[in-house]
Protein backbone atom coordinates (compact mmCIF):
# COMPACT_ATOMS: atom_id res chain seq x y z
CA UNK A 1 12.29 31.01 20.39
CA UNK A 2 9.97 28.01 20.38
CA UNK A 3 6.23 28.42 20.66
CA UNK A 4 6.28 25.67 23.30
CA UNK A 5 8.70 27.51 25.61
CA UNK A 6 7.14 30.93 25.97
CA UNK A 7 3.75 32.47 25.16
CA UNK A 8 4.36 34.99 22.35
CA UNK A 9 1.00 36.66 23.07
CA UNK A 10 1.68 37.30 26.79
CA UNK A 11 2.78 40.92 26.48
CA UNK A 12 0.25 41.97 23.82
CA UNK A 13 -1.64 45.02 25.13
CA UNK A 14 -4.89 44.34 23.23
CA UNK A 15 -5.38 40.81 24.62
CA UNK A 16 -6.63 39.64 27.98
CA UNK A 17 -4.71 36.85 29.71
CA UNK A 18 -7.40 34.31 28.72
CA UNK A 19 -7.23 35.39 25.07
CA UNK A 20 -3.42 35.25 25.14
CA UNK A 21 -3.52 31.74 26.63
CA UNK A 22 -6.07 30.60 24.05
CA UNK A 23 -3.99 31.97 21.17
CA UNK A 24 -0.92 30.28 22.64
CA UNK A 25 -2.77 26.94 22.68
CA UNK A 26 -3.72 27.48 19.03
CA UNK A 27 -0.09 28.30 18.20
CA UNK A 28 1.08 25.12 19.92
CA UNK A 29 -1.56 23.09 18.08
CA UNK A 30 -0.49 24.64 14.76
CA UNK A 31 3.14 23.75 15.50
CA UNK A 32 2.18 20.16 16.33
CA UNK A 33 0.30 19.92 13.02
CA UNK A 34 3.31 21.33 11.13
CA UNK A 35 5.57 18.76 12.81
CA UNK A 36 3.11 15.98 12.02
CA UNK A 37 2.90 17.09 8.39
CA UNK A 38 6.69 17.15 8.06
CA UNK A 39 7.00 13.68 9.61
CA UNK A 40 4.25 12.27 7.40
CA UNK A 41 5.88 13.73 4.31
CA UNK A 42 9.22 12.22 5.30
CA UNK A 43 7.64 8.80 5.86
CA UNK A 44 5.73 8.88 2.59
CA UNK A 45 8.84 9.70 0.56
CA UNK A 46 10.81 6.69 1.83
CA UNK A 47 9.88 3.14 0.83
CA UNK A 48 8.60 0.88 3.56
CA UNK A 49 11.16 -1.93 3.70
CA UNK A 50 8.84 -4.33 5.54
CA UNK A 51 6.09 -3.83 2.97
CA UNK A 52 8.55 -4.24 0.09
CA UNK A 53 9.77 -7.53 1.55
CA UNK A 54 6.22 -8.85 1.89
CA UNK A 55 5.39 -7.75 -1.66
CA UNK A 56 8.46 -9.59 -2.99
CA UNK A 57 7.31 -12.80 -1.30
CA UNK A 58 3.85 -12.33 -2.81
CA UNK A 59 5.40 -11.69 -6.23
CA UNK A 60 7.33 -14.99 -6.05
CA UNK A 61 4.19 -16.88 -5.05
CA UNK A 62 2.17 -15.31 -7.86
CA UNK A 63 4.93 -16.18 -10.31
CA UNK A 64 4.72 -19.82 -9.19
CA UNK A 65 0.93 -19.80 -9.56
CA UNK A 66 1.23 -18.32 -13.06
CA UNK A 67 3.79 -20.95 -14.05
CA UNK A 68 1.57 -23.77 -12.77
CA UNK A 69 -1.44 -22.28 -14.55
CA UNK A 70 0.48 -22.09 -17.84
CA UNK A 71 1.62 -25.68 -17.40
CA UNK A 72 -1.93 -26.90 -16.80
CA UNK A 73 -3.23 -24.99 -19.84
CA UNK A 74 -0.43 -26.51 -21.90
CA UNK A 75 -1.40 -29.95 -20.59
CA UNK A 76 -5.06 -29.43 -21.57
CA UNK A 77 -4.04 -28.28 -25.06
CA UNK A 78 -1.78 -31.31 -25.53
CA UNK A 79 -4.49 -33.63 -24.24
CA UNK A 80 -6.98 -32.20 -26.74
CA UNK A 81 -4.46 -32.58 -29.54
CA UNK A 82 -3.90 -36.22 -28.60
CA UNK A 83 -7.66 -36.83 -28.54
CA UNK A 84 -8.07 -35.65 -32.10
CA UNK A 85 -8.04 -38.50 -34.62
CA UNK A 86 -6.40 -38.35 -38.03
CA UNK A 87 -9.48 -37.00 -39.77
CA UNK A 88 -9.45 -33.92 -37.60
CA UNK A 89 -12.55 -34.95 -35.65
CA UNK A 90 -12.55 -34.58 -31.90
CA UNK A 91 -12.85 -37.90 -30.10
CA UNK A 92 -14.13 -37.84 -26.54
CA UNK A 93 -12.19 -40.47 -24.59
CA UNK A 94 -13.66 -39.49 -21.26
CA UNK A 95 -17.01 -41.28 -21.60
CA UNK A 96 -17.19 -44.68 -19.95
CA UNK A 97 -19.82 -47.40 -20.25
């Protein structure tokens, strides 16, 4: 017997019809909350395929950014090494007159 089909408090001798109706509304509300909790639990246990796809795209973009960053750091290091003369002194080739 579902709480939505029939009022389980209808035939209770200690309750007025208003009290029975109010308790029935509370019982229906409680059942809705139980259903909502079960659905939320089910959704939270399964991975969101749309979100996973978007995160994979973001991961590829971040990987590209990291690769470009490493390449630019490597370029700066090589440029500094080329600017160093044989005595080990740093020569600034960027100043112009």
